[in-house]
Amino acid sequence: MTATRSAAGGRQRTLALAHANDIRVSRAALKRRIAAGTISPSEILLRCPSEIKTMSVFQLLRSQRHWGPARCRRILNAVALSESKSIGSLTDRQCSLLVSVLAEPEPAALVSGRFVR
């Protein structure tokens, strides 16, 4: 391997690490805003900024105060989504269904276990 080639690879790796760090920092800030109540997960789902496209829906829901794993699973099961489903891979229908469930004061998914619209 030549010195030029390894230098270019090192620079690319450094840029990739910096990009990954920027994404982690922005996600952490977003989670803090959700926990503080200054922004809702529904707003995030509708806006879908580029730095959260690979974040799982479960992580987004879990960042709310008083939302544990069981509650998040019930919501995701009610709208037939996997815990590992990424926000960026949601279809428009899945996104709107999830937003409508989250908009309810006491989501139907928590009462009946299945959301039907």
N, C-alpha and C. Protein backbone atom coordinates (compact mmCIF):
# COMPACT_ATOMS: atom_id res chain seq x y z
N MET A 1 0.85 -1.17 0.00
CA MET A 1 0.00 0.00 0.00
C MET A 1 0.90 1.23 0.00
N THR A 2 0.58 2.20 -0.80
CA THR A 2 1.40 3.40 -0.89
C THR A 2 1.00 4.39 0.19
N ALA A 3 1.90 5.32 0.45
CA ALA A 3 1.65 6.33 1.48
C ALA A 3 0.47 7.22 1.09
N THR A 4 0.33 7.52 -0.20
CA THR A 4 -0.77 8.35 -0.67
C THR A 4 -2.11 7.66 -0.44
N ARG A 5 -2.14 6.39 -0.73
CA ARG A 5 -3.38 5.63 -0.59
C ARG A 5 -3.79 5.53 0.88
N SER A 6 -2.85 5.25 1.76
CA SER A 6 -3.20 5.14 3.18
C SER A 6 -3.58 6.50 3.77
N ALA A 7 -2.97 7.58 3.29
CA ALA A 7 -3.32 8.91 3.76
C ALA A 7 -4.74 9.26 3.36
N ALA A 8 -5.12 8.91 2.13
CA ALA A 8 -6.48 9.19 1.67
C ALA A 8 -7.48 8.36 2.46
N GLY A 9 -7.14 7.10 2.73
CA GLY A 9 -8.02 6.25 3.54
C GLY A 9 -8.16 6.76 4.96
N GLY A 10 -7.06 7.26 5.51
CA GLY A 10 -7.10 7.82 6.86
C GLY A 10 -7.95 9.07 6.93
N ARG A 11 -7.86 9.90 5.91
CA ARG A 11 -8.68 11.12 5.87
C ARG A 11 -10.16 10.77 5.74
N GLN A 12 -10.46 9.79 4.90
CA GLN A 12 -11.85 9.37 4.72
C GLN A 12 -12.41 8.79 6.03
N ARG A 13 -11.58 8.03 6.72
CA ARG A 13 -12.00 7.45 8.00
C ARG A 13 -12.26 8.55 9.03
N THR A 14 -11.38 9.54 9.06
CA THR A 14 -11.54 10.65 9.99
C THR A 14 -12.82 11.42 9.71
N LEU A 15 -13.12 11.65 8.44
CA LEU A 15 -14.35 12.34 8.07
C LEU A 15 -15.58 11.52 8.45
N ALA A 16 -15.51 10.21 8.26
CA ALA A 16 -16.63 9.35 8.61
C ALA A 16 -16.86 9.36 10.13
N LEU A 17 -15.78 9.32 10.90
CA LEU A 17 -15.90 9.36 12.36
C LEU A 17 -16.48 10.70 12.83
N ALA A 18 -16.06 11.78 12.20
CA ALA A 18 -16.58 13.10 12.55
C ALA A 18 -18.08 13.19 12.22
N HIS A 19 -18.47 12.64 11.08
CA HIS A 19 -19.88 12.64 10.69
C HIS A 19 -20.71 11.82 11.67
N ALA A 20 -20.23 10.65 12.04
CA ALA A 20 -20.94 9.80 13.00
C ALA A 20 -21.06 10.49 14.35
N ASN A 21 -20.03 11.19 14.76
CA ASN A 21 -20.08 11.91 16.03
C ASN A 21 -21.11 13.04 15.97
N ASP A 22 -21.17 13.77 14.85
CA ASP A 22 -22.16 14.84 14.69
C ASP A 22 -23.58 14.28 14.81
N ILE A 23 -23.81 13.12 14.22
CA ILE A 23 -25.13 12.50 14.29
C ILE A 23 -25.46 12.11 15.72
N ARG A 24 -24.49 11.52 16.44
CA ARG A 24 -24.72 11.14 17.84
C ARG A 24 -25.04 12.36 18.69
N VAL A 25 -24.33 13.44 18.48
CA VAL A 25 -24.55 14.66 19.25
C VAL A 25 -25.94 15.23 18.97
N SER A 26 -26.34 15.28 17.70
CA SER A 26 -27.65 15.84 17.36
C SER A 26 -28.78 14.94 17.87
N ARG A 27 -28.60 13.61 17.84
CA ARG A 27 -29.62 12.71 18.37
C ARG A 27 -29.75 12.88 19.88
N ALA A 28 -28.64 13.03 20.57
CA ALA A 28 -28.68 13.22 22.02
C ALA A 28 -29.41 14.51 22.37
N ALA A 29 -29.15 15.57 21.62
CA ALA A 29 -29.83 16.84 21.85
C ALA A 29 -31.33 16.70 21.59
N LEU A 30 -31.67 15.98 20.55
CA LEU A 30 -33.08 15.75 20.22
C LEU A 30 -33.77 14.95 21.31
N LYS A 31 -33.12 13.92 21.82
CA LYS A 31 -33.69 13.12 22.90
C LYS A 31 -33.90 13.95 24.16
N ARG A 32 -32.95 14.85 24.45
CA ARG A 32 -33.11 15.74 25.61
C ARG A 32 -34.31 16.66 25.43
N ARG A 33 -34.50 17.18 24.21
CA ARG A 33 -35.65 18.06 23.94
C ARG A 33 -36.96 17.29 24.07
N ILE A 34 -36.99 16.04 23.64
CA ILE A 34 -38.20 15.23 23.77
C ILE A 34 -38.48 14.96 25.24
N ALA A 35 -37.45 14.61 26.00
CA ALA A 35 -37.61 14.34 27.43
C ALA A 35 -38.08 15.58 28.18
N ALA A 36 -37.63 16.74 27.76
CA ALA A 36 -38.03 17.99 28.40
C ALA A 36 -39.43 18.43 27.98
N GLY A 37 -39.94 17.85 26.91
CA GLY A 37 -41.28 18.20 26.45
C GLY A 37 -41.34 19.39 25.52
N THR A 38 -40.19 19.86 25.04
CA THR A 38 -40.19 21.02 24.13
C THR A 38 -40.53 20.63 22.70
N ILE A 39 -40.45 19.35 22.39
CA ILE A 39 -40.81 18.86 21.07
C ILE A 39 -41.40 17.46 21.24
N SER A 40 -42.36 17.13 20.41
CA SER A 40 -43.00 15.82 20.54
C SER A 40 -42.45 14.85 19.50
N PRO A 41 -42.53 13.56 19.78
CA PRO A 41 -42.10 12.57 18.79
C PRO A 41 -42.89 12.68 17.48
N SER A 42 -44.15 13.08 17.59
CA SER A 42 -44.98 13.25 16.37
C SER A 42 -44.39 14.31 15.46
N GLU A 43 -43.93 15.42 16.04
CA GLU A 43 -43.31 16.48 15.24
C GLU A 43 -42.06 15.96 14.55
N ILE A 44 -41.28 15.17 15.26
CA ILE A 44 -40.06 14.60 14.70
C ILE A 44 -40.39 13.66 13.55
N LEU A 45 -41.41 12.82 13.75
CA LEU A 45 -41.79 11.88 12.69
C LEU A 45 -42.27 12.60 11.43
N LEU A 46 -42.98 13.70 11.62
CA LEU A 46 -43.48 14.44 10.46
C LEU A 46 -42.37 15.22 9.76
N ARG A 47 -41.42 15.74 10.53
CA ARG A 47 -40.31 16.51 9.95
C ARG A 47 -39.22 15.60 9.40
N CYS A 48 -38.91 14.57 10.14
CA CYS A 48 -37.89 13.57 9.81
C CYS A 48 -36.57 14.17 9.32
N PRO A 49 -35.84 14.83 10.23
CA PRO A 49 -34.53 15.36 9.85
C PRO A 49 -33.57 14.25 9.44
N SER A 50 -32.62 14.57 8.63
CA SER A 50 -31.72 13.56 8.07
C SER A 50 -30.90 12.82 9.13
N GLU A 51 -30.59 13.47 10.24
CA GLU A 51 -29.75 12.81 11.24
C GLU A 51 -30.48 11.73 12.03
N ILE A 52 -31.80 11.65 11.92
CA ILE A 52 -32.51 10.59 12.66
C ILE A 52 -33.10 9.52 11.75
N LYS A 53 -32.83 9.58 10.47
CA LYS A 53 -33.43 8.60 9.55
C LYS A 53 -33.05 7.16 9.88
N THR A 54 -31.87 6.94 10.43
CA THR A 54 -31.44 5.58 10.76
C THR A 54 -31.74 5.21 12.22
N MET A 55 -32.30 6.12 12.97
CA MET A 55 -32.67 5.86 14.36
C MET A 55 -33.94 5.00 14.39
N SER A 56 -34.03 4.10 15.35
CA SER A 56 -35.23 3.25 15.42
C SER A 56 -36.39 4.02 16.05
N VAL A 57 -37.59 3.64 15.65
CA VAL A 57 -38.80 4.25 16.20
C VAL A 57 -38.87 3.97 17.70
N PHE A 58 -38.44 2.78 18.10
CA PHE A 58 -38.43 2.41 19.51
C PHE A 58 -37.59 3.40 20.32
N GLN A 59 -36.40 3.75 19.83
CA GLN A 59 -35.53 4.71 20.53
C GLN A 59 -36.21 6.07 20.64
N LEU A 60 -36.90 6.47 19.59
CA LEU A 60 -37.59 7.76 19.61
C LEU A 60 -38.68 7.76 20.68
N LEU A 61 -39.50 6.72 20.70
CA LEU A 61 -40.57 6.65 21.69
C LEU A 61 -40.00 6.54 23.10
N ARG A 62 -38.94 5.78 23.25
CA ARG A 62 -38.32 5.54 24.55
C ARG A 62 -37.73 6.81 25.16
N SER A 63 -37.42 7.80 24.35
CA SER A 63 -36.80 9.02 24.86
C SER A 63 -37.80 9.92 25.59
N GLN A 64 -39.08 9.60 25.54
CA GLN A 64 -40.08 10.37 26.27
C GLN A 64 -40.04 10.00 27.74
N ARG A 65 -40.37 10.95 28.58
CA ARG A 65 -40.42 10.67 30.01
C ARG A 65 -41.57 9.71 30.30
N HIS A 66 -41.33 8.78 31.20
CA HIS A 66 -42.31 7.79 31.66
C HIS A 66 -42.73 6.81 30.58
N TRP A 67 -41.92 6.67 29.53
CA TRP A 67 -42.20 5.69 28.49
C TRP A 67 -41.14 4.60 28.59
N GLY A 68 -41.52 3.49 29.16
CA GLY A 68 -40.61 2.37 29.28
C GLY A 68 -40.71 1.45 28.08
N PRO A 69 -39.92 0.39 28.09
CA PRO A 69 -39.92 -0.56 26.97
C PRO A 69 -41.28 -1.21 26.72
N ALA A 70 -42.00 -1.55 27.79
CA ALA A 70 -43.29 -2.23 27.62
C ALA A 70 -44.30 -1.32 26.94
N ARG A 71 -44.36 -0.09 27.35
CA ARG A 71 -45.31 0.85 26.74
C ARG A 71 -44.96 1.09 25.28
N CYS A 72 -43.69 1.23 24.98
CA CYS A 72 -43.26 1.44 23.60
C CYS A 72 -43.61 0.23 22.73
N ARG A 73 -43.40 -0.96 23.28
CA ARG A 73 -43.73 -2.19 22.54
C ARG A 73 -45.21 -2.29 22.25
N ARG A 74 -46.05 -1.90 23.23
CA ARG A 74 -47.50 -1.95 23.01
C ARG A 74 -47.92 -1.03 21.88
N ILE A 75 -47.35 0.16 21.84
CA ILE A 75 -47.67 1.10 20.76
C ILE A 75 -47.21 0.53 19.42
N LEU A 76 -45.98 0.03 19.37
CA LEU A 76 -45.46 -0.50 18.11
C LEU A 76 -46.23 -1.74 17.65
N ASN A 77 -46.62 -2.59 18.58
CA ASN A 77 -47.42 -3.75 18.22
C ASN A 77 -48.79 -3.33 17.71
N ALA A 78 -49.34 -2.28 18.29
CA ALA A 78 -50.67 -1.81 17.88
C ALA A 78 -50.67 -1.31 16.44
N VAL A 79 -49.58 -0.76 16.00
CA VAL A 79 -49.50 -0.26 14.61
C VAL A 79 -48.69 -1.20 13.73
N ALA A 80 -48.42 -2.38 14.23
CA ALA A 80 -47.73 -3.44 13.48
C ALA A 80 -46.36 -3.02 12.96
N LEU A 81 -45.54 -2.49 13.89
CA LEU A 81 -44.18 -2.10 13.55
C LEU A 81 -43.20 -2.87 14.42
N SER A 82 -42.05 -3.19 13.86
CA SER A 82 -40.99 -3.85 14.58
C SER A 82 -40.24 -2.84 15.45
N GLU A 83 -39.66 -3.31 16.55
CA GLU A 83 -38.86 -2.43 17.41
C GLU A 83 -37.65 -1.88 16.68
N SER A 84 -37.15 -2.62 15.72
CA SER A 84 -35.94 -2.19 15.01
C SER A 84 -36.23 -1.37 13.76
N LYS A 85 -37.49 -1.07 13.49
CA LYS A 85 -37.87 -0.30 12.29
C LYS A 85 -37.26 1.10 12.40
N SER A 86 -36.55 1.50 11.36
CA SER A 86 -35.92 2.82 11.38
C SER A 86 -36.93 3.88 10.94
N ILE A 87 -36.73 5.08 11.41
CA ILE A 87 -37.64 6.18 11.11
C ILE A 87 -37.64 6.49 9.62
N GLY A 88 -36.48 6.45 9.01
CA GLY A 88 -36.38 6.76 7.60
C GLY A 88 -37.03 5.74 6.69
N SER A 89 -37.26 4.53 7.19
CA SER A 89 -37.86 3.49 6.35
C SER A 89 -39.37 3.38 6.53
N LEU A 90 -39.96 4.26 7.35
CA LEU A 90 -41.41 4.24 7.53
C LEU A 90 -42.10 4.71 6.25
N THR A 91 -43.17 4.04 5.88
CA THR A 91 -43.98 4.51 4.76
C THR A 91 -44.84 5.67 5.24
N ASP A 92 -45.42 6.40 4.32
CA ASP A 92 -46.30 7.52 4.71
C ASP A 92 -47.47 7.03 5.55
N ARG A 93 -48.00 5.88 5.19
CA ARG A 93 -49.14 5.32 5.92
C ARG A 93 -48.72 4.94 7.34
N GLN A 94 -47.58 4.28 7.49
CA GLN A 94 -47.10 3.90 8.81
C GLN A 94 -46.83 5.12 9.68
N CYS A 95 -46.24 6.12 9.07
CA CYS A 95 -45.91 7.34 9.80
C CYS A 95 -47.18 8.05 10.27
N SER A 96 -48.16 8.20 9.39
CA SER A 96 -49.40 8.88 9.77
C SER A 96 -50.17 8.08 10.81
N LEU A 97 -50.15 6.77 10.72
CA LEU A 97 -50.83 5.93 11.71
C LEU A 97 -50.17 6.08 13.07
N LEU A 98 -48.86 6.06 13.11
CA LEU A 98 -48.13 6.22 14.36
C LEU A 98 -48.37 7.60 14.96
N VAL A 99 -48.36 8.63 14.13
CA VAL A 99 -48.61 9.99 14.60
C VAL A 99 -50.02 10.09 15.18
N SER A 100 -51.00 9.48 14.52
CA SER A 100 -52.38 9.55 15.04
C SER A 100 -52.52 8.80 16.36
N VAL A 101 -51.83 7.70 16.53
CA VAL A 101 -51.87 6.98 17.81
C VAL A 101 -51.22 7.81 18.90
N LEU A 102 -50.11 8.45 18.59
CA LEU A 102 -49.41 9.27 19.59
C LEU A 102 -50.17 10.54 19.94
N ALA A 103 -51.02 11.02 19.04
CA ALA A 103 -51.76 12.25 19.27
C ALA A 103 -52.92 12.06 20.25
N GLU A 104 -53.39 10.83 20.42
CA GLU A 104 -54.50 10.57 21.33
C GLU A 104 -54.06 10.76 22.77
N PRO A 105 -54.95 11.32 23.62
CA PRO A 105 -54.58 11.52 25.02
C PRO A 105 -54.23 10.20 25.72
N GLU A 106 -55.05 9.19 25.56
CA GLU A 106 -54.75 7.85 26.05
C GLU A 106 -54.82 6.95 24.84
N PRO A 107 -53.66 6.67 24.24
CA PRO A 107 -53.67 5.89 23.00
C PRO A 107 -54.48 4.61 23.11
N ALA A 108 -55.29 4.35 22.09
CA ALA A 108 -56.13 3.15 22.06
C ALA A 108 -55.28 1.90 22.18
N ALA A 109 -54.05 1.97 21.73
CA ALA A 109 -53.16 0.81 21.79
C ALA A 109 -52.88 0.39 23.23
N LEU A 110 -52.89 1.35 24.14
CA LEU A 110 -52.62 1.01 25.53
C LEU A 110 -53.83 0.38 26.19
N VAL A 111 -55.01 0.66 25.67
CA VAL A 111 -56.22 0.12 26.25
C VAL A 111 -56.56 -1.23 25.66
N SER A 112 -56.64 -1.30 24.33
CA SER A 112 -57.10 -2.53 23.69
C SER A 112 -55.98 -3.43 23.19
N GLY A 113 -54.80 -2.90 22.99
CA GLY A 113 -53.70 -3.70 22.50
C GLY A 113 -53.60 -3.70 20.98
N ARG A 114 -54.59 -3.16 20.28
CA ARG A 114 -54.56 -3.12 18.82
C ARG A 114 -55.25 -1.84 18.36
N PHE A 115 -54.59 -1.12 17.48
CA PHE A 115 -55.15 0.12 16.98
C PHE A 115 -55.79 -0.13 15.62
N VAL A 116 -57.05 0.22 15.51
CA VAL A 116 -57.78 0.04 14.26
C VAL A 116 -58.35 1.38 13.84
N ARG A 117 -58.10 1.75 12.61
CA ARG A 117 -58.61 3.02 12.11
C ARG A 117 -59.39 2.77 10.87
